[in-house]
Amino acid sequence: MSRLELRPFADEHLDAAAELLAERHRRHRTAEPMLPARFDHAAGARQGIEAAWRRDGASGAAGFLDGRLVGYLFGAPDDEAHWGGPNVWVGHAGHAAVEPELVRDLYGLAADRWVDEGRPRHYVQVPASEGELLQAWYRVGFGQQHAAGVVEVPDAPWPEAVREATPDDVEGVLELTPLIRRHQAGAPVFSANLRVEDPRAIRASIEEDVAADEVGTLVAEVGGRLVGGFVVASGEQAGDAPHEVTGLARPERAAYLAWAATLPEVRGSGVGVALTGAAFAWARRAGYETMVTDWRVTNLLSSRFWPRRGFRTTFLRLYRSIP
């Protein structure tokens, strides 16, 4: 019986890894056809793998049976302040294997180095449709943390209670911006975001979004006060970091629901539903056929709200913190 041989992942493994990733993505697209088709083939898959592999500090593992690559896994560090300390991210293109069980061996080799380097916080993006692959990750100590989702943009009417923001709304939107971070810091999310926000930079970003025709800054107003806001933009504006809805998780020409917040006192009143309808109407008017967004599965509000609005989970971000 052949014995699995493990080696550090290297440039020479990229072509064979691309074949494995393309196969995984084809299975994923059978479950969720809205995902991008360009990764169905080795050439597109290699582009996704190479972009992730070239991130600073990337390292990982490759597994071989009888000289043939049967699995790979690699990750790279991301912003330590944002994620509460030293970390490693295995992105959407960061692993694939002919058998799900192999990722446990691959992680064993890769994680040994990561922990030795002082990086105990580990994240991995896993296709939500790959049940056995998820189980393999669970059995090396990972749990669900975050989800990405996609929905076809419906032909929704514009709700009367929502409008596009104007420069006069900047102060009101600025008051809404701490709500998500404040909510995520509490139970049962307990987000460890340590980044210090610059109020001037936040204001400048809001002003830029409000002024941009290609960005939908949507606000809901009750009694003359802004009580909620959503921001919708092109999927490309999500960025290419491993925690974003990017690469294999982002359909071609998708709208991106980038930010959504409502005051606690209006939650459950229909304000969020109205803002969602306006987001769909704005995206449809702008020519988008699909929309992506993401949410913490540990956030009791968002993890129920977005699936009820039609978003289907495409990727699950799993997390493990090693004491």
C-alpha atoms as a PDB file:
ATOM      1  CA  MET A   1       0.000   0.000   0.000  1.00  0.00           C
ATOM      2  CA  SER A   2       1.343   3.410  -0.965  1.00  0.00           C
ATOM      3  CA  ARG A   3       2.408   5.749   1.804  1.00  0.00           C
ATOM      4  CA  LEU A   4       1.598   9.457   1.734  1.00  0.00           C
ATOM      5  CA  GLU A   5       4.715  11.568   1.301  1.00  0.00           C
ATOM      6  CA  LEU A   6       4.542  15.110   2.642  1.00  0.00           C
ATOM      7  CA  ARG A   7       6.764  17.958   1.463  1.00  0.00           C
ATOM      8  CA  PRO A   8       6.732  21.749   1.817  1.00  0.00           C
ATOM      9  CA  PHE A   9       4.648  23.349  -0.948  1.00  0.00           C
ATOM     10  CA  ALA A  10       6.800  24.950  -3.675  1.00  0.00           C
ATOM     11  CA  ASP A  11       6.536  26.635  -7.076  1.00  0.00           C
ATOM     12  CA  GLU A  12       7.078  23.305  -8.832  1.00  0.00           C
ATOM     13  CA  HIS A  13       3.738  22.094  -7.480  1.00  0.00           C
ATOM     14  CA  LEU A  14       1.603  24.881  -8.971  1.00  0.00           C
ATOM     15  CA  ASP A  15       0.536  23.116 -12.172  1.00  0.00           C
ATOM     16  CA  ALA A  16      -0.546  19.911 -10.456  1.00  0.00           C
ATOM     17  CA  ALA A  17      -2.241  21.893  -7.680  1.00  0.00           C
ATOM     18  CA  ALA A  18      -4.215  23.806 -10.316  1.00  0.00           C
ATOM     19  CA  GLU A  19      -5.644  20.537 -11.640  1.00  0.00           C
ATOM     20  CA  LEU A  20      -6.814  19.596  -8.141  1.00  0.00           C
ATOM     21  CA  LEU A  21      -8.361  23.022  -7.526  1.00  0.00           C
ATOM     22  CA  ALA A  22     -10.146  23.020 -10.895  1.00  0.00           C
ATOM     23  CA  GLU A  23     -11.696  19.648 -10.062  1.00  0.00           C
ATOM     24  CA  ARG A  24     -12.839  20.907  -6.666  1.00  0.00           C
ATOM     25  CA  HIS A  25     -14.313  24.046  -8.197  1.00  0.00           C
ATOM     26  CA  ARG A  26     -16.195  22.076 -10.861  1.00  0.00           C
ATOM     27  CA  ARG A  27     -17.869  20.089  -8.087  1.00  0.00           C
ATOM     28  CA  HIS A  28     -18.624  23.318  -6.256  1.00  0.00           C
ATOM     29  CA  ARG A  29     -20.225  24.868  -9.326  1.00  0.00           C
ATOM     30  CA  THR A  30     -22.449  21.821  -9.712  1.00  0.00           C
ATOM     31  CA  ALA A  31     -23.889  22.762  -6.325  1.00  0.00           C
ATOM     32  CA  GLU A  32     -23.778  26.554  -6.968  1.00  0.00           C
ATOM     33  CA  PRO A  33     -23.741  27.395 -10.717  1.00  0.00           C
ATOM     34  CA  MET A  34     -23.530  31.152 -10.076  1.00  0.00           C
ATOM     35  CA  LEU A  35     -19.856  30.856  -9.073  1.00  0.00           C
ATOM     36  CA  PRO A  36     -17.268  31.978 -11.676  1.00  0.00           C
ATOM     37  CA  ALA A  37     -16.595  29.466 -14.473  1.00  0.00           C
ATOM     38  CA  ARG A  38     -13.036  30.594 -15.197  1.00  0.00           C
ATOM     39  CA  PHE A  39     -11.681  28.434 -12.374  1.00  0.00           C
ATOM     40  CA  ASP A  40     -13.175  25.259 -13.865  1.00  0.00           C
ATOM     41  CA  HIS A  41     -10.006  24.790 -15.890  1.00  0.00           C
ATOM     42  CA  ALA A  42      -6.398  24.456 -14.794  1.00  0.00           C
ATOM     43  CA  ALA A  43      -5.264  27.728 -16.395  1.00  0.00           C
ATOM     44  CA  GLY A  44      -7.761  29.808 -14.433  1.00  0.00           C
ATOM     45  CA  ALA A  45      -7.248  27.779 -11.277  1.00  0.00           C
ATOM     46  CA  ARG A  46      -3.500  28.294 -11.492  1.00  0.00           C
ATOM     47  CA  GLN A  47      -3.968  32.059 -11.629  1.00  0.00           C
ATOM     48  CA  GLY A  48      -6.000  31.895  -8.432  1.00  0.00           C
ATOM     49  CA  ILE A  49      -3.466  29.649  -6.703  1.00  0.00           C
ATOM     50  CA  GLU A  50      -0.449  31.653  -7.791  1.00  0.00           C
ATOM     51  CA  ALA A  51      -1.939  34.959  -6.653  1.00  0.00           C
ATOM     52  CA  ALA A  52      -2.495  33.470  -3.187  1.00  0.00           C
ATOM     53  CA  TRP A  53       0.892  31.739  -3.119  1.00  0.00           C
ATOM     54  CA  ARG A  54       2.708  35.009  -3.862  1.00  0.00           C
ATOM     55  CA  ARG A  55       1.367  36.671  -0.716  1.00  0.00           C
ATOM     56  CA  ASP A  56       4.108  37.619   1.736  1.00  0.00           C
ATOM     57  CA  GLY A  57       5.014  34.824   4.106  1.00  0.00           C
ATOM     58  CA  ALA A  58       3.085  32.062   2.341  1.00  0.00           C
ATOM     59  CA  SER A  59       3.975  28.488   3.248  1.00  0.00           C
ATOM     60  CA  GLY A  60       2.286  25.128   3.213  1.00  0.00           C
ATOM     61  CA  ALA A  61       2.367  21.436   2.390  1.00  0.00           C
ATOM     62  CA  ALA A  62       2.077  19.129  -0.612  1.00  0.00           C
ATOM     63  CA  GLY A  63       1.099  15.450  -0.430  1.00  0.00           C
ATOM     64  CA  PHE A  64       2.188  12.735  -2.875  1.00  0.00           C
ATOM     65  CA  LEU A  65       1.226   9.122  -3.553  1.00  0.00           C
ATOM     66  CA  ASP A  66       3.510   7.229  -5.942  1.00  0.00           C
ATOM     67  CA  GLY A  67       5.036  10.539  -7.009  1.00  0.00           C
ATOM     68  CA  ARG A  68       1.691  12.144  -7.915  1.00  0.00           C
ATOM     69  CA  LEU A  69       0.397  15.260  -6.146  1.00  0.00           C
ATOM     70  CA  VAL A  70      -2.824  14.267  -4.385  1.00  0.00           C
ATOM     71  CA  GLY A  71      -3.296  17.298  -2.176  1.00  0.00           C
ATOM     72  CA  TYR A  72      -1.914  20.697  -1.289  1.00  0.00           C
ATOM     73  CA  LEU A  73      -2.505  23.328   1.365  1.00  0.00           C
ATOM     74  CA  PHE A  74      -0.893  26.696   1.988  1.00  0.00           C
ATOM     75  CA  GLY A  75      -1.632  29.933   3.767  1.00  0.00           C
ATOM     76  CA  ALA A  76      -0.192  33.354   4.473  1.00  0.00           C
ATOM     77  CA  PRO A  77      -0.411  35.950   7.264  1.00  0.00           C
ATOM     78  CA  ASP A  78      -2.916  38.804   7.141  1.00  0.00           C
ATOM     79  CA  ASP A  79      -3.409  42.067   9.076  1.00  0.00           C
ATOM     80  CA  GLU A  80      -2.610  41.233  12.723  1.00  0.00           C
ATOM     81  CA  ALA A  81      -4.441  44.227  14.193  1.00  0.00           C
ATOM     82  CA  HIS A  82      -7.641  43.341  12.374  1.00  0.00           C
ATOM     83  CA  TRP A  83      -7.530  39.673  13.403  1.00  0.00           C
ATOM     84  CA  GLY A  84      -6.414  40.083  16.990  1.00  0.00           C
ATOM     85  CA  GLY A  85      -2.871  38.791  16.626  1.00  0.00           C
ATOM     86  CA  PRO A  86      -0.474  36.754  14.469  1.00  0.00           C
ATOM     87  CA  ASN A  87      -2.341  34.501  12.067  1.00  0.00           C
ATOM     88  CA  VAL A  88      -2.332  32.436   8.878  1.00  0.00           C
ATOM     89  CA  TRP A  89      -5.079  32.413   6.240  1.00  0.00           C
ATOM     90  CA  VAL A  90      -5.769  29.518   3.869  1.00  0.00           C
ATOM     91  CA  GLY A  91      -7.776  31.332   1.198  1.00  0.00           C
ATOM     92  CA  HIS A  92     -10.379  30.152  -1.316  1.00  0.00           C
ATOM     93  CA  ALA A  93      -7.669  28.730  -3.589  1.00  0.00           C
ATOM     94  CA  GLY A  94      -5.435  27.576  -0.751  1.00  0.00           C
ATOM     95  CA  HIS A  95      -6.217  23.870  -0.606  1.00  0.00           C
ATOM     96  CA  ALA A  96      -7.582  20.912  -2.556  1.00  0.00           C
ATOM     97  CA  ALA A  97      -7.135  17.147  -2.357  1.00  0.00           C
ATOM     98  CA  VAL A  98      -8.330  13.997  -4.079  1.00  0.00           C
ATOM     99  CA  GLU A  99      -9.626  12.759  -0.697  1.00  0.00           C
ATOM    100  CA  PRO A 100     -10.879  15.117   2.049  1.00  0.00           C
ATOM    101  CA  GLU A 101      -9.038  13.175   4.756  1.00  0.00           C
ATOM    102  CA  LEU A 102      -5.703  14.224   3.243  1.00  0.00           C
ATOM    103  CA  VAL A 103      -6.142  17.834   4.362  1.00  0.00           C
ATOM    104  CA  ARG A 104      -5.659  16.677   7.942  1.00  0.00           C
ATOM    105  CA  ASP A 105      -2.176  15.379   7.079  1.00  0.00           C
ATOM    106  CA  LEU A 106      -1.383  18.489   5.060  1.00  0.00           C
ATOM    107  CA  TYR A 107      -2.521  20.756   7.877  1.00  0.00           C
ATOM    108  CA  GLY A 108      -0.408  18.769  10.322  1.00  0.00           C
ATOM    109  CA  LEU A 109       2.765  19.596   8.416  1.00  0.00           C
ATOM    110  CA  ALA A 110       1.850  23.211   7.580  1.00  0.00           C
ATOM    111  CA  ALA A 111       0.556  24.088  11.057  1.00  0.00           C
ATOM    112  CA  ASP A 112       3.717  22.801  12.706  1.00  0.00           C
ATOM    113  CA  ARG A 113       5.645  25.560  10.958  1.00  0.00           C
ATOM    114  CA  TRP A 114       2.987  28.199  11.536  1.00  0.00           C
ATOM    115  CA  VAL A 115       2.903  27.609  15.283  1.00  0.00           C
ATOM    116  CA  ASP A 116       6.703  27.553  15.441  1.00  0.00           C
ATOM    117  CA  GLU A 117       6.629  30.974  13.759  1.00  0.00           C
ATOM    118  CA  GLY A 118       4.318  32.256  16.503  1.00  0.00           C
ATOM    119  CA  ARG A 119       1.136  32.297  14.395  1.00  0.00           C
ATOM    120  CA  PRO A 120      -1.519  30.410  16.404  1.00  0.00           C
ATOM    121  CA  ARG A 121      -4.671  31.858  14.760  1.00  0.00           C
ATOM    122  CA  HIS A 122      -5.575  29.804  11.692  1.00  0.00           C
ATOM    123  CA  TYR A 123      -8.337  30.519   9.161  1.00  0.00           C
ATOM    124  CA  VAL A 124      -9.462  28.478   6.155  1.00  0.00           C
ATOM    125  CA  GLN A 125     -12.063  29.097   3.440  1.00  0.00           C
ATOM    126  CA  VAL A 126     -13.967  25.896   2.550  1.00  0.00           C
ATOM    127  CA  PRO A 127     -16.703  25.328  -0.077  1.00  0.00           C
ATOM    128  CA  ALA A 128     -19.968  24.996   1.816  1.00  0.00           C
ATOM    129  CA  SER A 129     -21.101  22.153  -0.447  1.00  0.00           C
ATOM    130  CA  GLU A 130     -18.108  19.940   0.455  1.00  0.00           C
ATOM    131  CA  GLY A 131     -19.502  18.196   3.515  1.00  0.00           C
ATOM    132  CA  GLU A 132     -16.723  15.619   3.881  1.00  0.00           C
ATOM    133  CA  LEU A 133     -14.063  18.287   3.461  1.00  0.00           C
ATOM    134  CA  LEU A 134     -15.693  20.379   6.179  1.00  0.00           C
ATOM    135  CA  GLN A 135     -15.777  17.346   8.445  1.00  0.00           C
ATOM    136  CA  ALA A 136     -12.062  16.781   7.898  1.00  0.00           C
ATOM    137  CA  TRP A 137     -11.353  20.348   9.006  1.00  0.00           C
ATOM    138  CA  TYR A 138     -13.638  20.018  12.009  1.00  0.00           C
ATOM    139  CA  ARG A 139     -11.622  16.983  13.092  1.00  0.00           C
ATOM    140  CA  VAL A 140      -8.451  19.049  13.379  1.00  0.00           C
ATOM    141  CA  GLY A 141     -10.094  21.517  15.722  1.00  0.00           C
ATOM    142  CA  PHE A 142     -11.722  24.059  13.394  1.00  0.00           C
ATOM    143  CA  GLY A 143     -15.184  25.565  13.802  1.00  0.00           C
ATOM    144  CA  GLN A 144     -17.402  27.783  11.657  1.00  0.00           C
ATOM    145  CA  GLN A 145     -16.867  31.521  11.954  1.00  0.00           C
ATOM    146  CA  HIS A 146     -18.008  33.295   8.789  1.00  0.00           C
ATOM    147  CA  ALA A 147     -20.033  32.688   5.633  1.00  0.00           C
ATOM    148  CA  ALA A 148     -20.109  34.115   2.112  1.00  0.00           C
ATOM    149  CA  GLY A 149     -23.288  34.028   0.068  1.00  0.00           C
ATOM    150  CA  VAL A 150     -24.701  34.730  -3.363  1.00  0.00           C
ATOM    151  CA  VAL A 151     -28.154  35.491  -4.712  1.00  0.00           C
ATOM    152  CA  GLU A 152     -29.626  36.315  -8.111  1.00  0.00           C
ATOM    153  CA  VAL A 153     -30.692  39.971  -8.111  1.00  0.00           C
ATOM    154  CA  PRO A 154     -34.503  39.992  -8.162  1.00  0.00           C
ATOM    155  CA  ASP A 155     -36.554  42.559 -10.011  1.00  0.00           C
ATOM    156  CA  ALA A 156     -37.500  44.331  -6.779  1.00  0.00           C
ATOM    157  CA  PRO A 157     -39.355  47.660  -6.591  1.00  0.00           C
ATOM    158  CA  TRP A 158     -37.662  50.546  -4.826  1.00  0.00           C
ATOM    159  CA  PRO A 159     -39.119  50.835  -1.287  1.00  0.00           C
ATOM    160  CA  GLU A 160     -40.596  54.199  -0.351  1.00  0.00           C
ATOM    161  CA  ALA A 161     -38.764  54.256   2.979  1.00  0.00           C
ATOM    162  CA  VAL A 162     -35.263  54.187   1.433  1.00  0.00           C
ATOM    163  CA  ARG A 163     -33.342  56.693  -0.673  1.00  0.00           C
ATOM    164  CA  GLU A 164     -29.828  57.251  -1.961  1.00  0.00           C
ATOM    165  CA  ALA A 165     -27.659  59.272   0.376  1.00  0.00           C
ATOM    166  CA  THR A 166     -26.661  62.879  -0.328  1.00  0.00           C
ATOM    167  CA  PRO A 167     -23.724  64.879   1.050  1.00  0.00           C
ATOM    168  CA  ASP A 168     -26.071  66.124   3.772  1.00  0.00           C
ATOM    169  CA  ASP A 169     -26.302  62.544   5.088  1.00  0.00           C
ATOM    170  CA  VAL A 170     -22.585  62.071   5.780  1.00  0.00           C
ATOM    171  CA  GLU A 171     -22.922  62.868   9.497  1.00  0.00           C
ATOM    172  CA  GLY A 172     -25.833  60.478   9.866  1.00  0.00           C
ATOM    173  CA  VAL A 173     -24.009  57.656   8.109  1.00  0.00           C
ATOM    174  CA  LEU A 174     -20.922  58.368  10.226  1.00  0.00           C
ATOM    175  CA  GLU A 175     -23.025  57.791  13.360  1.00  0.00           C
ATOM    176  CA  LEU A 176     -24.010  54.356  12.024  1.00  0.00           C
ATOM    177  CA  THR A 177     -20.483  53.158  11.253  1.00  0.00           C
ATOM    178  CA  PRO A 178     -19.531  51.898  14.769  1.00  0.00           C
ATOM    179  CA  LEU A 179     -22.645  49.732  15.056  1.00  0.00           C
ATOM    180  CA  ILE A 180     -21.297  46.605  13.368  1.00  0.00           C
ATOM    181  CA  ARG A 181     -18.004  46.587  15.218  1.00  0.00           C
ATOM    182  CA  ARG A 182     -19.774  47.226  18.534  1.00  0.00           C
ATOM    183  CA  HIS A 183     -22.251  44.419  17.890  1.00  0.00           C
ATOM    184  CA  GLN A 184     -19.554  41.972  16.771  1.00  0.00           C
ATOM    185  CA  ALA A 185     -17.516  42.631  19.914  1.00  0.00           C
ATOM    186  CA  GLY A 186     -20.308  41.231  22.081  1.00  0.00           C
ATOM    187  CA  ALA A 187     -21.684  37.733  22.678  1.00  0.00           C
ATOM    188  CA  PRO A 188     -21.690  35.328  20.994  1.00  0.00           C
ATOM    189  CA  VAL A 189     -19.328  36.738  18.320  1.00  0.00           C
ATOM    190  CA  PHE A 190     -16.586  38.185  20.567  1.00  0.00           C
ATOM    191  CA  SER A 191     -14.650  39.658  17.636  1.00  0.00           C
ATOM    192  CA  ALA A 192     -11.039  40.435  18.501  1.00  0.00           C
ATOM    193  CA  ASN A 193     -10.567  43.314  16.065  1.00  0.00           C
ATOM    194  CA  LEU A 194      -7.787  45.487  17.526  1.00  0.00           C
ATOM    195  CA  ARG A 195      -7.456  47.950  14.647  1.00  0.00           C
ATOM    196  CA  VAL A 196      -7.681  51.622  15.681  1.00  0.00           C
ATOM    197  CA  GLU A 197     -10.049  53.409  13.324  1.00  0.00           C
ATOM    198  CA  ASP A 198      -9.220  56.882  12.001  1.00  0.00           C
ATOM    199  CA  PRO A 199     -12.404  59.010  12.096  1.00  0.00           C
ATOM    200  CA  ARG A 200     -11.060  61.286   9.365  1.00  0.00           C
ATOM    201  CA  ALA A 201     -10.427  58.332   7.076  1.00  0.00           C
ATOM    202  CA  ILE A 202     -13.903  56.938   7.758  1.00  0.00           C
ATOM    203  CA  ARG A 203     -15.508  60.296   6.964  1.00  0.00           C
ATOM    204  CA  ALA A 204     -13.482  60.617   3.758  1.00  0.00           C
ATOM    205  CA  SER A 205     -14.531  57.121   2.685  1.00  0.00           C
ATOM    206  CA  ILE A 206     -18.214  57.915   3.300  1.00  0.00           C
ATOM    207  CA  GLU A 207     -17.946  61.174   1.372  1.00  0.00           C
ATOM    208  CA  GLU A 208     -16.289  59.343  -1.510  1.00  0.00           C
ATOM    209  CA  ASP A 209     -18.965  56.627  -1.588  1.00  0.00           C
ATOM    210  CA  VAL A 210     -21.822  59.142  -1.461  1.00  0.00           C
ATOM    211  CA  ALA A 211     -20.323  61.090  -4.357  1.00  0.00           C
ATOM    212  CA  ALA A 212     -19.602  58.026  -6.540  1.00  0.00           C
ATOM    213  CA  ASP A 213     -22.198  57.084  -9.152  1.00  0.00           C
ATOM    214  CA  GLU A 214     -20.860  53.517  -9.202  1.00  0.00           C
ATOM    215  CA  VAL A 215     -21.528  53.053  -5.476  1.00  0.00           C
ATOM    216  CA  GLY A 216     -24.998  52.821  -3.982  1.00  0.00           C
ATOM    217  CA  THR A 217     -25.044  54.423  -0.536  1.00  0.00           C
ATOM    218  CA  LEU A 218     -28.590  53.769   0.645  1.00  0.00           C
ATOM    219  CA  VAL A 219     -30.200  55.179   3.768  1.00  0.00           C
ATOM    220  CA  ALA A 220     -33.453  54.703   5.657  1.00  0.00           C
ATOM    221  CA  GLU A 221     -34.920  57.589   7.588  1.00  0.00           C
ATOM    222  CA  VAL A 222     -37.538  57.606  10.358  1.00  0.00           C
ATOM    223  CA  GLY A 223     -38.761  60.838  11.905  1.00  0.00           C
ATOM    224  CA  GLY A 224     -35.994  62.843  10.262  1.00  0.00           C
ATOM    225  CA  ARG A 225     -33.217  60.598  11.633  1.00  0.00           C
ATOM    226  CA  LEU A 226     -31.125  58.104   9.688  1.00  0.00           C
ATOM    227  CA  VAL A 227     -31.786  54.683  11.222  1.00  0.00           C
ATOM    228  CA  GLY A 228     -29.999  52.432   8.744  1.00  0.00           C
ATOM    229  CA  GLY A 229     -27.671  52.334   5.784  1.00  0.00           C
ATOM    230  CA  PHE A 230     -26.385  49.899   3.174  1.00  0.00           C
ATOM    231  CA  VAL A 231     -23.523  50.249   0.693  1.00  0.00           C
ATOM    232  CA  VAL A 232     -23.597  48.369  -2.620  1.00  0.00           C
ATOM    233  CA  ALA A 233     -20.778  48.423  -5.165  1.00  0.00           C
ATOM    234  CA  SER A 234     -19.048  46.358  -7.811  1.00  0.00           C
ATOM    235  CA  GLY A 235     -17.730  42.988  -6.651  1.00  0.00           C
ATOM    236  CA  GLU A 236     -14.238  44.083  -7.642  1.00  0.00           C
ATOM    237  CA  GLN A 237     -14.350  46.619  -4.813  1.00  0.00           C
ATOM    238  CA  ALA A 238     -14.415  43.747  -2.307  1.00  0.00           C
ATOM    239  CA  GLY A 239     -10.667  43.493  -2.773  1.00  0.00           C
ATOM    240  CA  ASP A 240      -8.470  40.413  -3.044  1.00  0.00           C
ATOM    241  CA  ALA A 241      -7.581  39.696   0.583  1.00  0.00           C
ATOM    242  CA  PRO A 242      -8.273  36.117   1.716  1.00  0.00           C
ATOM    243  CA  HIS A 243     -11.080  37.248   4.030  1.00  0.00           C
ATOM    244  CA  GLU A 244     -12.966  39.058   1.252  1.00  0.00           C
ATOM    245  CA  VAL A 245     -15.617  37.666  -1.115  1.00  0.00           C
ATOM    246  CA  THR A 246     -13.043  37.233  -3.845  1.00  0.00           C
ATOM    247  CA  GLY A 247     -11.710  34.874  -6.505  1.00  0.00           C
ATOM    248  CA  LEU A 248     -13.572  31.565  -6.524  1.00  0.00           C
ATOM    249  CA  ALA A 249     -16.316  33.008  -4.285  1.00  0.00           C
ATOM    250  CA  ARG A 250     -17.230  35.969  -6.515  1.00  0.00           C
ATOM    251  CA  PRO A 251     -19.275  35.544  -9.710  1.00  0.00           C
ATOM    252  CA  GLU A 252     -18.405  37.570 -12.772  1.00  0.00           C
ATOM    253  CA  ARG A 253     -20.042  41.005 -12.776  1.00  0.00           C
ATOM    254  CA  ALA A 254     -21.500  40.589  -9.293  1.00  0.00           C
ATOM    255  CA  ALA A 255     -22.692  43.402  -7.081  1.00  0.00           C
ATOM    256  CA  TYR A 256     -21.194  43.453  -3.602  1.00  0.00           C
ATOM    257  CA  LEU A 257     -23.260  44.321  -0.551  1.00  0.00           C
ATOM    258  CA  ALA A 258     -20.309  45.748   1.317  1.00  0.00           C
ATOM    259  CA  TRP A 259     -21.811  47.222   4.467  1.00  0.00           C
ATOM    260  CA  ALA A 260     -25.151  47.088   6.243  1.00  0.00           C
ATOM    261  CA  ALA A 261     -26.192  48.547   9.587  1.00  0.00           C
ATOM    262  CA  THR A 262     -29.381  49.557  11.385  1.00  0.00           C
ATOM    263  CA  LEU A 263     -29.942  51.092  14.789  1.00  0.00           C
ATOM    264  CA  PRO A 264     -30.789  48.474  17.444  1.00  0.00           C
ATOM    265  CA  GLU A 265     -34.166  50.059  18.179  1.00  0.00           C
ATOM    266  CA  VAL A 266     -35.460  49.581  14.608  1.00  0.00           C
ATOM    267  CA  ARG A 267     -34.294  45.986  14.123  1.00  0.00           C
ATOM    268  CA  GLY A 268     -37.276  43.782  13.388  1.00  0.00           C
ATOM    269  CA  SER A 269     -39.347  46.738  12.168  1.00  0.00           C
ATOM    270  CA  GLY A 270     -38.779  46.125   8.447  1.00  0.00           C
ATOM    271  CA  VAL A 271     -36.069  48.745   7.940  1.00  0.00           C
ATOM    272  CA  GLY A 272     -33.444  46.125   7.052  1.00  0.00           C
ATOM    273  CA  VAL A 273     -35.828  44.386   4.659  1.00  0.00           C
ATOM    274  CA  ALA A 274     -36.580  47.709   2.956  1.00  0.00           C
ATOM    275  CA  LEU A 275     -32.868  48.490   2.628  1.00  0.00           C
ATOM    276  CA  THR A 276     -32.280  45.045   1.136  1.00  0.00           C
ATOM    277  CA  GLY A 277     -35.024  45.671  -1.406  1.00  0.00           C
ATOM    278  CA  ALA A 278     -33.419  48.978  -2.313  1.00  0.00           C
ATOM    279  CA  ALA A 279     -30.026  47.267  -2.648  1.00  0.00           C
ATOM    280  CA  PHE A 280     -31.540  44.784  -5.084  1.00  0.00           C
ATOM    281  CA  ALA A 281     -33.287  47.578  -7.008  1.00  0.00           C
ATOM    282  CA  TRP A 282     -30.061  49.616  -7.207  1.00  0.00           C
ATOM    283  CA  ALA A 283     -28.062  46.597  -8.379  1.00  0.00           C
ATOM    284  CA  ARG A 284     -30.665  45.674 -11.010  1.00  0.00           C
ATOM    285  CA  ARG A 285     -30.680  49.263 -12.304  1.00  0.00           C
ATOM    286  CA  ALA A 286     -26.863  49.191 -12.488  1.00  0.00           C
ATOM    287  CA  GLY A 287     -26.953  46.029 -14.621  1.00  0.00           C
ATOM    288  CA  TYR A 288     -25.893  43.418 -12.054  1.00  0.00           C
ATOM    289  CA  GLU A 289     -27.435  39.946 -12.196  1.00  0.00           C
ATOM    290  CA  THR A 290     -25.965  38.538  -8.982  1.00  0.00           C
ATOM    291  CA  MET A 291     -25.060  39.915  -5.565  1.00  0.00           C
ATOM    292  CA  VAL A 292     -22.596  38.648  -2.959  1.00  0.00           C
ATOM    293  CA  THR A 293     -22.195  39.444   0.697  1.00  0.00           C
ATOM    294  CA  ASP A 294     -20.797  37.824   3.840  1.00  0.00           C
ATOM    295  CA  TRP A 295     -21.647  37.512   7.511  1.00  0.00           C
ATOM    296  CA  ARG A 296     -20.469  36.029  10.794  1.00  0.00           C
ATOM    297  CA  VAL A 297     -22.232  32.739  11.484  1.00  0.00           C
ATOM    298  CA  THR A 298     -21.813  33.548  15.183  1.00  0.00           C
ATOM    299  CA  ASN A 299     -23.773  36.781  14.690  1.00  0.00           C
ATOM    300  CA  LEU A 300     -27.306  35.739  15.615  1.00  0.00           C
ATOM    301  CA  LEU A 301     -28.888  38.592  13.669  1.00  0.00           C
ATOM    302  CA  SER A 302     -27.010  38.542  10.361  1.00  0.00           C
ATOM    303  CA  SER A 303     -26.711  34.747  10.150  1.00  0.00           C
ATOM    304  CA  ARG A 304     -30.509  34.557  10.104  1.00  0.00           C
ATOM    305  CA  PHE A 305     -31.256  37.740   8.180  1.00  0.00           C
ATOM    306  CA  TRP A 306     -29.203  37.168   5.030  1.00  0.00           C
ATOM    307  CA  PRO A 307     -30.316  33.593   4.264  1.00  0.00           C
ATOM    308  CA  ARG A 308     -33.910  34.777   4.680  1.00  0.00           C
ATOM    309  CA  ARG A 309     -33.225  37.389   2.010  1.00  0.00           C
ATOM    310  CA  GLY A 310     -32.261  34.587  -0.402  1.00  0.00           C
ATOM    311  CA  PHE A 311     -28.472  34.449  -0.019  1.00  0.00           C
ATOM    312  CA  ARG A 312     -27.119  30.916  -0.424  1.00  0.00           C
ATOM    313  CA  THR A 313     -23.935  30.053   1.431  1.00  0.00           C
ATOM    314  CA  THR A 314     -21.018  29.416  -0.936  1.00  0.00           C
ATOM    315  CA  PHE A 315     -17.972  29.346   1.363  1.00  0.00           C
ATOM    316  CA  LEU A 316     -17.570  28.869   5.085  1.00  0.00           C
ATOM    317  CA  ARG A 317     -14.627  30.409   6.866  1.00  0.00           C
ATOM    318  CA  LEU A 318     -13.402  28.093   9.592  1.00  0.00           C
ATOM    319  CA  TYR A 319     -11.211  29.176  12.491  1.00  0.00           C
ATOM    320  CA  ARG A 320      -8.934  27.577  15.047  1.00  0.00           C
ATOM    321  CA  SER A 321      -6.957  29.305  17.794  1.00  0.00           C
ATOM    322  CA  ILE A 322      -4.160  27.267  19.353  1.00  0.00           C
ATOM    323  CA  PRO A 323      -3.493  28.089  23.036  1.00  0.00           C
END
